[in-house]
Amino acid sequence: MVRNIIVIVGILFVSAYPASGFPEMKGNHLDAMQLRDNCLQAEGTSGDLVCLLYIAGVLDGIATANFSSQSMSAPYAPICAPEKKPLRYYADIVKSYMQTNKEDLNVSASIFIWLAMKGSFPCDDGAGIPK
């Protein structure tokens, strides 16, 4: 219940964020450099909220792709992450990946997040089975 309220408040906050305050988004998505700029802002700021919500959206997209591809022999984007962790846990992983993999900052933010999760939570054979 509390998580739902936080997500709704976050969505309302981001939708109320003035358009001129957003960085220019090519193709209606953030690139990894823009995500980094938001994620490195202080906790509780609008940039921090953009960071958290963008990561949440990508993680939901990965989960949806995996769920919808269950009829295939392997998940679409196998990541064997622990369940029931707070969103901040995953944001910290993305931020850490930003510091150690600067060469990957030239991709879209969603691909960057996937790379961070895949690097942190690989599966043994790509079939979605944890190591």
C-alpha atoms as a PDB file:
ATOM      1  CA  MET A   1       0.000   0.000   0.000  1.00  0.00           C
ATOM      2  CA  VAL A   2       2.752   2.443   0.977  1.00  0.00           C
ATOM      3  CA  ARG A   3       4.753   1.516  -2.152  1.00  0.00           C
ATOM      4  CA  ASN A   4       1.710   2.212  -4.341  1.00  0.00           C
ATOM      5  CA  ILE A   5       1.267   5.622  -2.747  1.00  0.00           C
ATOM      6  CA  ILE A   6       4.963   6.421  -3.248  1.00  0.00           C
ATOM      7  CA  VAL A   7       4.779   5.405  -6.909  1.00  0.00           C
ATOM      8  CA  ILE A   8       1.633   7.488  -7.477  1.00  0.00           C
ATOM      9  CA  VAL A   9       3.180  10.520  -5.773  1.00  0.00           C
ATOM     10  CA  GLY A  10       6.327  10.033  -7.836  1.00  0.00           C
ATOM     11  CA  ILE A  11       4.383   9.859 -11.084  1.00  0.00           C
ATOM     12  CA  LEU A  12       2.436  12.971 -10.164  1.00  0.00           C
ATOM     13  CA  PHE A  13       5.656  14.760  -9.222  1.00  0.00           C
ATOM     14  CA  VAL A  14       7.404  13.847 -12.475  1.00  0.00           C
ATOM     15  CA  SER A  15       4.355  14.755 -14.576  1.00  0.00           C
ATOM     16  CA  ALA A  16       4.226  18.146 -12.836  1.00  0.00           C
ATOM     17  CA  TYR A  17       7.947  18.729 -13.407  1.00  0.00           C
ATOM     18  CA  PRO A  18       8.263  21.687 -15.812  1.00  0.00           C
ATOM     19  CA  ALA A  19       9.149  20.572 -19.331  1.00  0.00           C
ATOM     20  CA  SER A  20      11.901  23.188 -19.552  1.00  0.00           C
ATOM     21  CA  GLY A  21      13.566  21.587 -16.508  1.00  0.00           C
ATOM     22  CA  PHE A  22      14.032  18.192 -18.162  1.00  0.00           C
ATOM     23  CA  PRO A  23      17.197  17.570 -20.095  1.00  0.00           C
ATOM     24  CA  GLU A  24      16.696  17.303 -23.834  1.00  0.00           C
ATOM     25  CA  MET A  25      15.616  13.736 -24.495  1.00  0.00           C
ATOM     26  CA  LYS A  26      16.430  12.400 -27.932  1.00  0.00           C
ATOM     27  CA  GLY A  27      13.774   9.951 -29.067  1.00  0.00           C
ATOM     28  CA  ASN A  28      11.827  10.426 -25.823  1.00  0.00           C
ATOM     29  CA  HIS A  29      14.337   8.519 -23.731  1.00  0.00           C
ATOM     30  CA  LEU A  30      17.268   9.354 -21.530  1.00  0.00           C
ATOM     31  CA  ASP A  31      20.772   8.412 -22.496  1.00  0.00           C
ATOM     32  CA  ALA A  32      23.069   7.010 -19.830  1.00  0.00           C
ATOM     33  CA  MET A  33      24.862  10.340 -19.373  1.00  0.00           C
ATOM     34  CA  GLN A  34      21.552  12.079 -18.630  1.00  0.00           C
ATOM     35  CA  LEU A  35      20.593   9.290 -16.240  1.00  0.00           C
ATOM     36  CA  ARG A  36      23.959   9.680 -14.492  1.00  0.00           C
ATOM     37  CA  ASP A  37      23.412  13.431 -14.125  1.00  0.00           C
ATOM     38  CA  ASN A  38      20.074  12.752 -12.411  1.00  0.00           C
ATOM     39  CA  CYS A  39      21.294   9.836 -10.293  1.00  0.00           C
ATOM     40  CA  LEU A  40      24.232  11.803  -8.901  1.00  0.00           C
ATOM     41  CA  GLN A  41      21.985  14.498  -7.465  1.00  0.00           C
ATOM     42  CA  ALA A  42      21.338  14.500  -3.736  1.00  0.00           C
ATOM     43  CA  GLU A  43      18.833  12.029  -2.341  1.00  0.00           C
ATOM     44  CA  GLY A  44      15.328  13.485  -2.253  1.00  0.00           C
ATOM     45  CA  THR A  45      15.870  15.939  -5.118  1.00  0.00           C
ATOM     46  CA  SER A  46      13.897  15.931  -8.350  1.00  0.00           C
ATOM     47  CA  GLY A  47      16.882  14.406 -10.185  1.00  0.00           C
ATOM     48  CA  ASP A  48      17.072  11.608  -7.631  1.00  0.00           C
ATOM     49  CA  LEU A  49      13.368  10.924  -8.145  1.00  0.00           C
ATOM     50  CA  VAL A  50      13.787  10.872 -11.942  1.00  0.00           C
ATOM     51  CA  CYS A  51      16.655   8.398 -11.448  1.00  0.00           C
ATOM     52  CA  LEU A  52      14.633   6.090  -9.197  1.00  0.00           C
ATOM     53  CA  LEU A  53      11.514   6.148 -11.347  1.00  0.00           C
ATOM     54  CA  TYR A  54      13.438   5.575 -14.583  1.00  0.00           C
ATOM     55  CA  ILE A  55      15.219   2.581 -13.032  1.00  0.00           C
ATOM     56  CA  ALA A  56      11.881   1.264 -11.719  1.00  0.00           C
ATOM     57  CA  GLY A  57      10.375   1.540 -15.205  1.00  0.00           C
ATOM     58  CA  VAL A  58      13.258  -0.328 -16.821  1.00  0.00           C
ATOM     59  CA  LEU A  59      13.147  -3.068 -14.169  1.00  0.00           C
ATOM     60  CA  ASP A  60       9.397  -3.424 -14.710  1.00  0.00           C
ATOM     61  CA  GLY A  61      10.011  -3.643 -18.460  1.00  0.00           C
ATOM     62  CA  ILE A  62      12.601  -6.387 -17.970  1.00  0.00           C
ATOM     63  CA  ALA A  63      10.235  -8.296 -15.673  1.00  0.00           C
ATOM     64  CA  THR A  64       7.376  -7.937 -18.168  1.00  0.00           C
ATOM     65  CA  ALA A  65       9.566  -9.155 -21.036  1.00  0.00           C
ATOM     66  CA  ASN A  66      10.686 -12.144 -18.993  1.00  0.00           C
ATOM     67  CA  PHE A  67       7.122 -12.973 -17.956  1.00  0.00           C
ATOM     68  CA  SER A  68       5.747 -12.704 -21.482  1.00  0.00           C
ATOM     69  CA  SER A  69       8.509 -14.877 -22.913  1.00  0.00           C
ATOM     70  CA  GLN A  70       7.996 -17.806 -20.546  1.00  0.00           C
ATOM     71  CA  SER A  71       6.723 -19.889 -23.458  1.00  0.00           C
ATOM     72  CA  MET A  72      10.211 -19.648 -24.970  1.00  0.00           C
ATOM     73  CA  SER A  73      13.066 -21.857 -23.828  1.00  0.00           C
ATOM     74  CA  ALA A  74      14.875 -18.936 -22.150  1.00  0.00           C
ATOM     75  CA  PRO A  75      13.804 -15.575 -20.737  1.00  0.00           C
ATOM     76  CA  TYR A  76      14.162 -12.528 -22.965  1.00  0.00           C
ATOM     77  CA  ALA A  77      16.562 -10.684 -20.661  1.00  0.00           C
ATOM     78  CA  PRO A  78      17.675 -13.106 -17.958  1.00  0.00           C
ATOM     79  CA  ILE A  79      18.715 -11.363 -14.805  1.00  0.00           C
ATOM     80  CA  CYS A  80      18.776 -13.307 -11.570  1.00  0.00           C
ATOM     81  CA  ALA A  81      18.313 -10.436  -9.124  1.00  0.00           C
ATOM     82  CA  PRO A  82      17.094 -10.969  -5.582  1.00  0.00           C
ATOM     83  CA  GLU A  83      13.419 -10.295  -5.039  1.00  0.00           C
ATOM     84  CA  LYS A  84      11.791  -7.913  -2.575  1.00  0.00           C
ATOM     85  CA  LYS A  85      14.653  -5.438  -2.357  1.00  0.00           C
ATOM     86  CA  PRO A  86      13.926  -1.709  -2.094  1.00  0.00           C
ATOM     87  CA  LEU A  87      14.280   0.352  -5.269  1.00  0.00           C
ATOM     88  CA  ARG A  88      17.173   2.281  -3.704  1.00  0.00           C
ATOM     89  CA  TYR A  89      19.123  -1.020  -3.581  1.00  0.00           C
ATOM     90  CA  TYR A  90      18.953  -1.310  -7.374  1.00  0.00           C
ATOM     91  CA  ALA A  91      19.664   2.407  -7.849  1.00  0.00           C
ATOM     92  CA  ASP A  92      22.848   1.989  -5.795  1.00  0.00           C
ATOM     93  CA  ILE A  93      23.901  -0.863  -8.096  1.00  0.00           C
ATOM     94  CA  VAL A  94      23.317   1.324 -11.165  1.00  0.00           C
ATOM     95  CA  LYS A  95      25.258   4.211  -9.581  1.00  0.00           C
ATOM     96  CA  SER A  96      28.155   1.908  -8.732  1.00  0.00           C
ATOM     97  CA  TYR A  97      28.161   0.566 -12.294  1.00  0.00           C
ATOM     98  CA  MET A  98      28.310   4.176 -13.527  1.00  0.00           C
ATOM     99  CA  GLN A  99      31.526   4.704 -11.585  1.00  0.00           C
ATOM    100  CA  THR A 100      33.257   1.523 -12.758  1.00  0.00           C
ATOM    101  CA  ASN A 101      32.001   1.269 -16.347  1.00  0.00           C
ATOM    102  CA  LYS A 102      32.232   4.781 -17.747  1.00  0.00           C
ATOM    103  CA  GLU A 103      32.866   3.385 -21.228  1.00  0.00           C
ATOM    104  CA  ASP A 104      29.242   2.139 -21.273  1.00  0.00           C
ATOM    105  CA  LEU A 105      27.768   5.619 -20.712  1.00  0.00           C
ATOM    106  CA  ASN A 106      27.355   6.104 -24.477  1.00  0.00           C
ATOM    107  CA  VAL A 107      24.224   3.932 -24.670  1.00  0.00           C
ATOM    108  CA  SER A 108      20.603   4.597 -23.792  1.00  0.00           C
ATOM    109  CA  ALA A 109      19.758   4.701 -20.093  1.00  0.00           C
ATOM    110  CA  SER A 110      17.586   1.593 -20.355  1.00  0.00           C
ATOM    111  CA  ILE A 111      20.378  -0.453 -21.951  1.00  0.00           C
ATOM    112  CA  PHE A 112      22.809   0.892 -19.340  1.00  0.00           C
ATOM    113  CA  ILE A 113      20.504  -0.205 -16.502  1.00  0.00           C
ATOM    114  CA  TRP A 114      20.166  -3.643 -18.106  1.00  0.00           C
ATOM    115  CA  LEU A 115      23.977  -3.918 -18.371  1.00  0.00           C
ATOM    116  CA  ALA A 116      24.327  -2.958 -14.692  1.00  0.00           C
ATOM    117  CA  MET A 117      21.756  -5.542 -13.606  1.00  0.00           C
ATOM    118  CA  LYS A 118      23.143  -8.250 -15.890  1.00  0.00           C
ATOM    119  CA  GLY A 119      26.667  -7.596 -14.600  1.00  0.00           C
ATOM    120  CA  SER A 120      25.531  -7.691 -10.981  1.00  0.00           C
ATOM    121  CA  PHE A 121      23.058 -10.581 -11.212  1.00  0.00           C
ATOM    122  CA  PRO A 122      24.111 -12.970 -13.984  1.00  0.00           C
ATOM    123  CA  CYS A 123      22.391 -16.287 -14.480  1.00  0.00           C
ATOM    124  CA  ASP A 124      24.405 -19.458 -14.944  1.00  0.00           C
ATOM    125  CA  ASP A 125      23.517 -20.284 -18.538  1.00  0.00           C
ATOM    126  CA  GLY A 126      21.298 -17.463 -19.760  1.00  0.00           C
ATOM    127  CA  ALA A 127      18.220 -19.549 -19.009  1.00  0.00           C
ATOM    128  CA  GLY A 128      17.214 -17.502 -15.991  1.00  0.00           C
ATOM    129  CA  ILE A 129      18.552 -19.948 -13.437  1.00  0.00           C
ATOM    130  CA  PRO A 130      20.511 -18.280 -10.574  1.00  0.00           C
ATOM    131  CA  LYS A 131      24.132 -19.259 -10.034  1.00  0.00           C
END
